[in-house]
PDB file of all heavy atoms in Angstrom:
ATOM      1  N   PRO A   1       0.822  -1.209  -0.017  1.00  0.00           N
ATOM      2  CA  PRO A   1       0.018  -0.008   0.015  1.00  0.00           C
ATOM      3  C   PRO A   1       0.867   1.233   0.016  1.00  0.00           C
ATOM      4  O   PRO A   1       2.036   1.208   0.377  1.00  0.00           O
ATOM      5  CB  PRO A   1      -0.810  -0.142   1.293  1.00  0.00           C
ATOM      6  CG  PRO A   1       0.112  -0.881   2.206  1.00  0.00           C
ATOM      7  CD  PRO A   1       0.842  -1.871   1.320  1.00  0.00           C
ATOM      8  N   PRO A   2       0.275   2.385  -0.406  1.00  0.00           N
ATOM      9  CA  PRO A   2       1.020   3.646  -0.330  1.00  0.00           C
ATOM     10  C   PRO A   2       1.437   3.919   1.104  1.00  0.00           C
ATOM     11  O   PRO A   2       0.680   3.649   2.056  1.00  0.00           O
ATOM     12  CB  PRO A   2       0.001   4.681  -0.827  1.00  0.00           C
ATOM     13  CG  PRO A   2      -0.963   3.889  -1.671  1.00  0.00           C
ATOM     14  CD  PRO A   2      -1.046   2.532  -1.008  1.00  0.00           C
ATOM     15  N   GLY A   3       2.601   4.448   1.275  1.00  0.00           N
ATOM     16  CA  GLY A   3       3.105   4.753   2.604  1.00  0.00           C
ATOM     17  C   GLY A   3       4.121   3.736   3.102  1.00  0.00           C
ATOM     18  O   GLY A   3       4.863   4.022   4.012  1.00  0.00           O
ATOM     19  N   LEU A   4       4.121   2.586   2.505  1.00  0.00           N
ATOM     20  CA  LEU A   4       5.119   1.576   2.823  1.00  0.00           C
ATOM     21  C   LEU A   4       6.167   1.566   1.732  1.00  0.00           C
ATOM     22  O   LEU A   4       5.842   1.346   0.575  1.00  0.00           O
ATOM     23  CB  LEU A   4       4.481   0.194   2.960  1.00  0.00           C
ATOM     24  CG  LEU A   4       3.796  -0.146   4.262  1.00  0.00           C
ATOM     25  CD1 LEU A   4       3.247  -1.566   4.231  1.00  0.00           C
ATOM     26  CD2 LEU A   4       4.741  -0.017   5.464  1.00  0.00           C
ATOM     27  N   THR A   5       7.368   1.784   2.076  1.00  0.00           N
ATOM     28  CA  THR A   5       8.423   1.780   1.077  1.00  0.00           C
ATOM     29  C   THR A   5       8.799   0.354   0.706  1.00  0.00           C
ATOM     30  O   THR A   5       8.629  -0.577   1.520  1.00  0.00           O
ATOM     31  CB  THR A   5       9.695   2.498   1.576  1.00  0.00           C
ATOM     32  OG1 THR A   5      10.180   1.811   2.729  1.00  0.00           O
ATOM     33  CG2 THR A   5       9.344   3.938   1.930  1.00  0.00           C
ATOM     34  N   ARG A   6       9.301   0.171  -0.486  1.00  0.00           N
ATOM     35  CA  ARG A   6       9.655  -1.130  -0.965  1.00  0.00           C
ATOM     36  C   ARG A   6      10.696  -1.766  -0.076  1.00  0.00           C
ATOM     37  O   ARG A   6      10.603  -2.970   0.313  1.00  0.00           O
ATOM     38  CB  ARG A   6      10.173  -1.037  -2.386  1.00  0.00           C
ATOM     39  CG  ARG A   6      10.520  -2.391  -3.027  1.00  0.00           C
ATOM     40  CD  ARG A   6      11.087  -2.146  -4.427  1.00  0.00           C
ATOM     41  NE  ARG A   6      11.271  -3.410  -5.125  1.00  0.00           N
ATOM     42  CZ  ARG A   6      12.303  -4.196  -4.985  1.00  0.00           C
ATOM     43  NH1 ARG A   6      13.292  -3.875  -4.120  1.00  0.00           N
ATOM     44  NH2 ARG A   6      12.416  -5.319  -5.678  1.00  0.00           N
ATOM     45  N   ASP A   7      11.724  -1.005   0.329  1.00  0.00           N
ATOM     46  CA  ASP A   7      12.825  -1.549   1.101  1.00  0.00           C
ATOM     47  C   ASP A   7      12.397  -1.978   2.511  1.00  0.00           C
ATOM     48  O   ASP A   7      12.975  -2.866   3.125  1.00  0.00           O
ATOM     49  CB  ASP A   7      13.997  -0.580   1.174  1.00  0.00           C
ATOM     50  CG  ASP A   7      14.663  -0.417  -0.173  1.00  0.00           C
ATOM     51  OD1 ASP A   7      14.505  -1.315  -1.048  1.00  0.00           O
ATOM     52  OD2 ASP A   7      15.358   0.602  -0.370  1.00  0.00           O
ATOM     53  N   SER A   8      11.370  -1.276   3.039  1.00  0.00           N
ATOM     54  CA  SER A   8      10.966  -1.571   4.414  1.00  0.00           C
ATOM     55  C   SER A   8      10.427  -2.986   4.574  1.00  0.00           C
ATOM     56  O   SER A   8      10.537  -3.577   5.626  1.00  0.00           O
ATOM     57  CB  SER A   8       9.892  -0.578   4.875  1.00  0.00           C
ATOM     58  OG  SER A   8       8.696  -0.713   4.151  1.00  0.00           O
ATOM     59  N   ILE A   9       9.827  -3.527   3.507  1.00  0.00           N
ATOM     60  CA  ILE A   9       9.281  -4.885   3.554  1.00  0.00           C
ATOM     61  C   ILE A   9      10.160  -5.850   2.797  1.00  0.00           C
ATOM     62  O   ILE A   9      10.661  -6.849   3.319  1.00  0.00           O
ATOM     63  CB  ILE A   9       7.845  -4.936   2.980  1.00  0.00           C
ATOM     64  CG1 ILE A   9       6.920  -4.017   3.807  1.00  0.00           C
ATOM     65  CG2 ILE A   9       7.317  -6.351   2.997  1.00  0.00           C
ATOM     66  CD1 ILE A   9       6.761  -4.435   5.229  1.00  0.00           C
ATOM     67  N   LEU A  10      10.396  -5.551   1.518  1.00  0.00           N
ATOM     68  CA  LEU A  10      11.155  -6.500   0.684  1.00  0.00           C
ATOM     69  C   LEU A  10      12.593  -6.592   1.137  1.00  0.00           C
ATOM     70  O   LEU A  10      13.206  -7.669   1.049  1.00  0.00           O
ATOM     71  CB  LEU A  10      11.093  -6.045  -0.778  1.00  0.00           C
ATOM     72  CG  LEU A  10       9.667  -6.057  -1.399  1.00  0.00           C
ATOM     73  CD1 LEU A  10       9.756  -5.586  -2.858  1.00  0.00           C
ATOM     74  CD2 LEU A  10       9.052  -7.423  -1.313  1.00  0.00           C
ATOM     75  N   GLY A  11      13.148  -5.458   1.633  1.00  0.00           N
ATOM     76  CA  GLY A  11      14.526  -5.526   2.109  1.00  0.00           C
ATOM     77  C   GLY A  11      14.663  -6.425   3.326  1.00  0.00           C
ATOM     78  O   GLY A  11      15.582  -7.249   3.431  1.00  0.00           O
ATOM     79  N   ASP A  12      13.689  -6.285   4.279  1.00  0.00           N
ATOM     80  CA  ASP A  12      13.738  -7.147   5.467  1.00  0.00           C
ATOM     81  C   ASP A  12      13.527  -8.625   5.091  1.00  0.00           C
ATOM     82  O   ASP A  12      14.208  -9.498   5.649  1.00  0.00           O
ATOM     83  CB  ASP A  12      12.649  -6.702   6.462  1.00  0.00           C
ATOM     84  CG  ASP A  12      12.967  -5.357   7.102  1.00  0.00           C
ATOM     85  OD1 ASP A  12      14.121  -4.931   6.984  1.00  0.00           O
ATOM     86  OD2 ASP A  12      12.061  -4.750   7.693  1.00  0.00           O
ATOM     87  N   MET A  13      12.651  -8.834   4.156  1.00  0.00           N
ATOM     88  CA  MET A  13      12.389 -10.234   3.774  1.00  0.00           C
ATOM     89  C   MET A  13      13.606 -10.837   3.087  1.00  0.00           C
ATOM     90  O   MET A  13      13.942 -12.028   3.209  1.00  0.00           O
ATOM     91  CB  MET A  13      11.181 -10.313   2.848  1.00  0.00           C
ATOM     92  CG  MET A  13       9.841 -10.095   3.596  1.00  0.00           C
ATOM     93  SD  MET A  13       8.442 -10.459   2.568  1.00  0.00           S
ATOM     94  CE  MET A  13       8.659 -12.196   2.160  1.00  0.00           C
ATOM     95  N   LEU A  14      14.320 -10.035   2.291  1.00  0.00           N
ATOM     96  CA  LEU A  14      15.513 -10.511   1.604  1.00  0.00           C
ATOM     97  C   LEU A  14      16.595 -10.901   2.616  1.00  0.00           C
ATOM     98  O   LEU A  14      17.246 -11.939   2.474  1.00  0.00           O
ATOM     99  CB  LEU A  14      16.054  -9.449   0.630  1.00  0.00           C
ATOM    100  CG  LEU A  14      17.296  -9.849  -0.168  1.00  0.00           C
ATOM    101  CD1 LEU A  14      17.030 -11.095  -0.992  1.00  0.00           C
ATOM    102  CD2 LEU A  14      17.718  -8.687  -1.053  1.00  0.00           C
ATOM    103  N   GLU A  15      16.753 -10.041   3.660  1.00  0.00           N
ATOM    104  CA  GLU A  15      17.748 -10.364   4.686  1.00  0.00           C
ATOM    105  C   GLU A  15      17.360 -11.686   5.409  1.00  0.00           C
ATOM    106  O   GLU A  15      18.241 -12.522   5.680  1.00  0.00           O
ATOM    107  CB  GLU A  15      17.819  -9.224   5.695  1.00  0.00           C
ATOM    108  CG  GLU A  15      18.450  -7.962   5.127  1.00  0.00           C
ATOM    109  CD  GLU A  15      18.552  -6.852   6.175  1.00  0.00           C
ATOM    110  OE1 GLU A  15      18.203  -7.139   7.366  1.00  0.00           O
ATOM    111  OE2 GLU A  15      18.932  -5.711   5.842  1.00  0.00           O
ATOM    112  N   GLU A  16      16.085 -11.828   5.734  1.00  0.00           N
ATOM    113  CA  GLU A  16      15.655 -13.046   6.389  1.00  0.00           C
ATOM    114  C   GLU A  16      15.838 -14.268   5.486  1.00  0.00           C
ATOM    115  O   GLU A  16      16.224 -15.362   5.938  1.00  0.00           O
ATOM    116  CB  GLU A  16      14.191 -12.917   6.807  1.00  0.00           C
ATOM    117  CG  GLU A  16      13.596 -14.130   7.506  1.00  0.00           C
ATOM    118  CD  GLU A  16      14.240 -14.395   8.865  1.00  0.00           C
ATOM    119  OE1 GLU A  16      14.835 -13.450   9.418  1.00  0.00           O
ATOM    120  OE2 GLU A  16      14.089 -15.527   9.359  1.00  0.00           O
ATOM    121  N   LEU A  17      15.553 -14.087   4.171  1.00  0.00           N
ATOM    122  CA  LEU A  17      15.737 -15.159   3.194  1.00  0.00           C
ATOM    123  C   LEU A  17      17.192 -15.643   3.164  1.00  0.00           C
ATOM    124  O   LEU A  17      17.459 -16.847   3.206  1.00  0.00           O
ATOM    125  CB  LEU A  17      15.304 -14.710   1.821  1.00  0.00           C
ATOM    126  CG  LEU A  17      15.553 -15.695   0.663  1.00  0.00           C
ATOM    127  CD1 LEU A  17      14.594 -16.893   0.786  1.00  0.00           C
ATOM    128  CD2 LEU A  17      15.365 -15.005  -0.690  1.00  0.00           C
ATOM    129  N   GLU A  18      18.100 -14.690   3.115  1.00  0.00           N
ATOM    130  CA  GLU A  18      19.527 -15.056   3.069  1.00  0.00           C
ATOM    131  C   GLU A  18      19.961 -15.755   4.349  1.00  0.00           C
ATOM    132  O   GLU A  18      20.745 -16.700   4.343  1.00  0.00           O
ATOM    133  CB  GLU A  18      20.363 -13.801   2.826  1.00  0.00           C
ATOM    134  CG  GLU A  18      20.132 -13.184   1.462  1.00  0.00           C
ATOM    135  CD  GLU A  18      20.808 -11.842   1.288  1.00  0.00           C
ATOM    136  OE1 GLU A  18      21.234 -11.258   2.334  1.00  0.00           O
ATOM    137  OE2 GLU A  18      20.952 -11.376   0.146  1.00  0.00           O
ATOM    138  N   SER A  19      19.416 -15.273   5.498  1.00  0.00           N
ATOM    139  CA  SER A  19      19.768 -15.902   6.778  1.00  0.00           C
ATOM    140  C   SER A  19      19.239 -17.343   6.826  1.00  0.00           C
ATOM    141  O   SER A  19      19.929 -18.266   7.225  1.00  0.00           O
ATOM    142  CB  SER A  19      19.184 -15.089   7.939  1.00  0.00           C
ATOM    143  OG  SER A  19      19.412 -15.736   9.170  1.00  0.00           O
ATOM    144  N   ARG A  20      17.964 -17.515   6.403  1.00  0.00           N
ATOM    145  CA  ARG A  20      17.385 -18.874   6.406  1.00  0.00           C
ATOM    146  C   ARG A  20      18.077 -19.763   5.417  1.00  0.00           C
ATOM    147  O   ARG A  20      18.242 -20.961   5.654  1.00  0.00           O
ATOM    148  CB  ARG A  20      15.912 -18.778   6.077  1.00  0.00           C
ATOM    149  CG  ARG A  20      15.045 -18.214   7.224  1.00  0.00           C
ATOM    150  CD  ARG A  20      13.605 -18.063   6.791  1.00  0.00           C
ATOM    151  NE  ARG A  20      12.793 -17.557   7.899  1.00  0.00           N
ATOM    152  CZ  ARG A  20      12.083 -18.325   8.727  1.00  0.00           C
ATOM    153  NH1 ARG A  20      12.107 -19.652   8.557  1.00  0.00           N
ATOM    154  NH2 ARG A  20      11.366 -17.821   9.670  1.00  0.00           N
ATOM    155  N   GLY A  21      18.503 -19.218   4.268  1.00  0.00           N
ATOM    156  CA  GLY A  21      19.185 -20.004   3.275  1.00  0.00           C
ATOM    157  C   GLY A  21      20.470 -20.577   3.835  1.00  0.00           C
ATOM    158  O   GLY A  21      20.830 -21.752   3.515  1.00  0.00           O
ATOM    159  N   ALA A  22      21.165 -19.809   4.635  1.00  0.00           N
ATOM    160  CA  ALA A  22      22.418 -20.319   5.225  1.00  0.00           C
ATOM    161  C   ALA A  22      22.150 -21.372   6.293  1.00  0.00           C
ATOM    162  O   ALA A  22      22.962 -22.272   6.517  1.00  0.00           O
ATOM    163  CB  ALA A  22      23.184 -19.151   5.824  1.00  0.00           C
ATOM    164  N   ASP A  23      20.961 -21.275   6.951  1.00  0.00           N
ATOM    165  CA  ASP A  23      20.688 -22.213   8.055  1.00  0.00           C
ATOM    166  C   ASP A  23      20.013 -23.491   7.568  1.00  0.00           C
ATOM    167  O   ASP A  23      20.408 -24.593   7.981  1.00  0.00           O
ATOM    168  CB  ASP A  23      19.772 -21.522   9.070  1.00  0.00           C
ATOM    169  CG  ASP A  23      20.491 -20.384   9.812  1.00  0.00           C
ATOM    170  OD1 ASP A  23      21.738 -20.394   9.846  1.00  0.00           O
ATOM    171  OD2 ASP A  23      19.820 -19.510  10.344  1.00  0.00           O
ATOM    172  N   VAL A  24      18.993 -23.349   6.718  1.00  0.00           N
ATOM    173  CA  VAL A  24      18.176 -24.548   6.371  1.00  0.00           C
ATOM    174  C   VAL A  24      18.276 -24.916   4.895  1.00  0.00           C
ATOM    175  O   VAL A  24      17.624 -25.868   4.445  1.00  0.00           O
ATOM    176  CB  VAL A  24      16.701 -24.316   6.756  1.00  0.00           C
ATOM    177  CG1 VAL A  24      16.580 -24.042   8.218  1.00  0.00           C
ATOM    178  CG2 VAL A  24      16.130 -23.119   5.972  1.00  0.00           C
ATOM    179  N   GLY A  25      19.010 -24.139   4.093  1.00  0.00           N
ATOM    180  CA  GLY A  25      19.145 -24.470   2.677  1.00  0.00           C
ATOM    181  C   GLY A  25      18.250 -23.559   1.814  1.00  0.00           C
ATOM    182  O   GLY A  25      17.258 -23.013   2.289  1.00  0.00           O
ATOM    183  N   GLU A  26      18.623 -23.402   0.558  1.00  0.00           N
ATOM    184  CA  GLU A  26      17.938 -22.474  -0.325  1.00  0.00           C
ATOM    185  C   GLU A  26      16.507 -22.909  -0.638  1.00  0.00           C
ATOM    186  O   GLU A  26      15.621 -22.077  -0.733  1.00  0.00           O
ATOM    187  CB  GLU A  26      18.731 -22.331  -1.622  1.00  0.00           C
ATOM    188  CG  GLU A  26      20.083 -21.638  -1.427  1.00  0.00           C
ATOM    189  CD  GLU A  26      20.745 -21.286  -2.759  1.00  0.00           C
ATOM    190  OE1 GLU A  26      20.143 -21.608  -3.786  1.00  0.00           O
ATOM    191  OE2 GLU A  26      21.854 -20.715  -2.753  1.00  0.00           O
ATOM    192  N   ALA A  27      16.285 -24.222  -0.790  1.00  0.00           N
ATOM    193  CA  ALA A  27      14.927 -24.670  -1.127  1.00  0.00           C
ATOM    194  C   ALA A  27      13.950 -24.366  -0.011  1.00  0.00           C
ATOM    195  O   ALA A  27      12.847 -23.841  -0.238  1.00  0.00           O
ATOM    196  CB  ALA A  27      14.947 -26.171  -1.441  1.00  0.00           C
ATOM    197  N   ALA A  28      14.307 -24.690   1.216  1.00  0.00           N
ATOM    198  CA  ALA A  28      13.426 -24.406   2.353  1.00  0.00           C
ATOM    199  C   ALA A  28      13.233 -22.902   2.557  1.00  0.00           C
ATOM    200  O   ALA A  28      12.146 -22.453   2.906  1.00  0.00           O
ATOM    201  CB  ALA A  28      13.995 -25.045   3.626  1.00  0.00           C
ATOM    202  N   ALA A  29      14.292 -22.132   2.334  1.00  0.00           N
ATOM    203  CA  ALA A  29      14.203 -20.682   2.489  1.00  0.00           C
ATOM    204  C   ALA A  29      13.264 -20.115   1.417  1.00  0.00           C
ATOM    205  O   ALA A  29      12.482 -19.177   1.712  1.00  0.00           O
ATOM    206  CB  ALA A  29      15.607 -20.055   2.374  1.00  0.00           C
ATOM    207  N   ALA A  30      13.335 -20.624   0.201  1.00  0.00           N
ATOM    208  CA  ALA A  30      12.452 -20.126  -0.857  1.00  0.00           C
ATOM    209  C   ALA A  30      10.995 -20.442  -0.547  1.00  0.00           C
ATOM    210  O   ALA A  30      10.118 -19.650  -0.799  1.00  0.00           O
ATOM    211  CB  ALA A  30      12.864 -20.766  -2.199  1.00  0.00           C
ATOM    212  N   ARG A  31      10.741 -21.631   0.026  1.00  0.00           N
ATOM    213  CA  ARG A  31       9.367 -21.979   0.409  1.00  0.00           C
ATOM    214  C   ARG A  31       8.873 -20.997   1.498  1.00  0.00           C
ATOM    215  O   ARG A  31       7.693 -20.597   1.471  1.00  0.00           O
ATOM    216  CB  ARG A  31       9.308 -23.407   0.908  1.00  0.00           C
ATOM    217  CG  ARG A  31       9.491 -24.432  -0.193  1.00  0.00           C
ATOM    218  CD  ARG A  31       9.082 -25.839   0.269  1.00  0.00           C
ATOM    219  NE  ARG A  31       9.988 -26.387   1.267  1.00  0.00           N
ATOM    220  CZ  ARG A  31      11.055 -27.108   0.990  1.00  0.00           C
ATOM    221  NH1 ARG A  31      11.329 -27.366  -0.282  1.00  0.00           N
ATOM    222  NH2 ARG A  31      11.832 -27.588   1.926  1.00  0.00           N
ATOM    223  N   TRP A  32       9.727 -20.649   2.463  1.00  0.00           N
ATOM    224  CA  TRP A  32       9.339 -19.685   3.487  1.00  0.00           C
ATOM    225  C   TRP A  32       8.993 -18.347   2.830  1.00  0.00           C
ATOM    226  O   TRP A  32       7.990 -17.709   3.186  1.00  0.00           O
ATOM    227  CB  TRP A  32      10.484 -19.489   4.489  1.00  0.00           C
ATOM    228  CG  TRP A  32      10.225 -18.306   5.406  1.00  0.00           C
ATOM    229  CD1 TRP A  32       9.528 -18.307   6.550  1.00  0.00           C
ATOM    230  CD2 TRP A  32      10.670 -16.951   5.161  1.00  0.00           C
ATOM    231  NE1 TRP A  32       9.489 -17.033   7.058  1.00  0.00           N
ATOM    232  CE2 TRP A  32      10.171 -16.188   6.241  1.00  0.00           C
ATOM    233  CE3 TRP A  32      11.413 -16.342   4.148  1.00  0.00           C
ATOM    234  CZ2 TRP A  32      10.416 -14.811   6.322  1.00  0.00           C
ATOM    235  CZ3 TRP A  32      11.648 -14.981   4.241  1.00  0.00           C
ATOM    236  CH2 TRP A  32      11.148 -14.225   5.338  1.00  0.00           C
TER     237      TRP A  32
END
């Protein structure tokens, strides 16, 4: 929605994705 910047959501999710990828593997991280 307007008022939410792209980086505020997608940036946080990307960081979490990379963290999960290192812990549980890329396939499981992609499913998350």
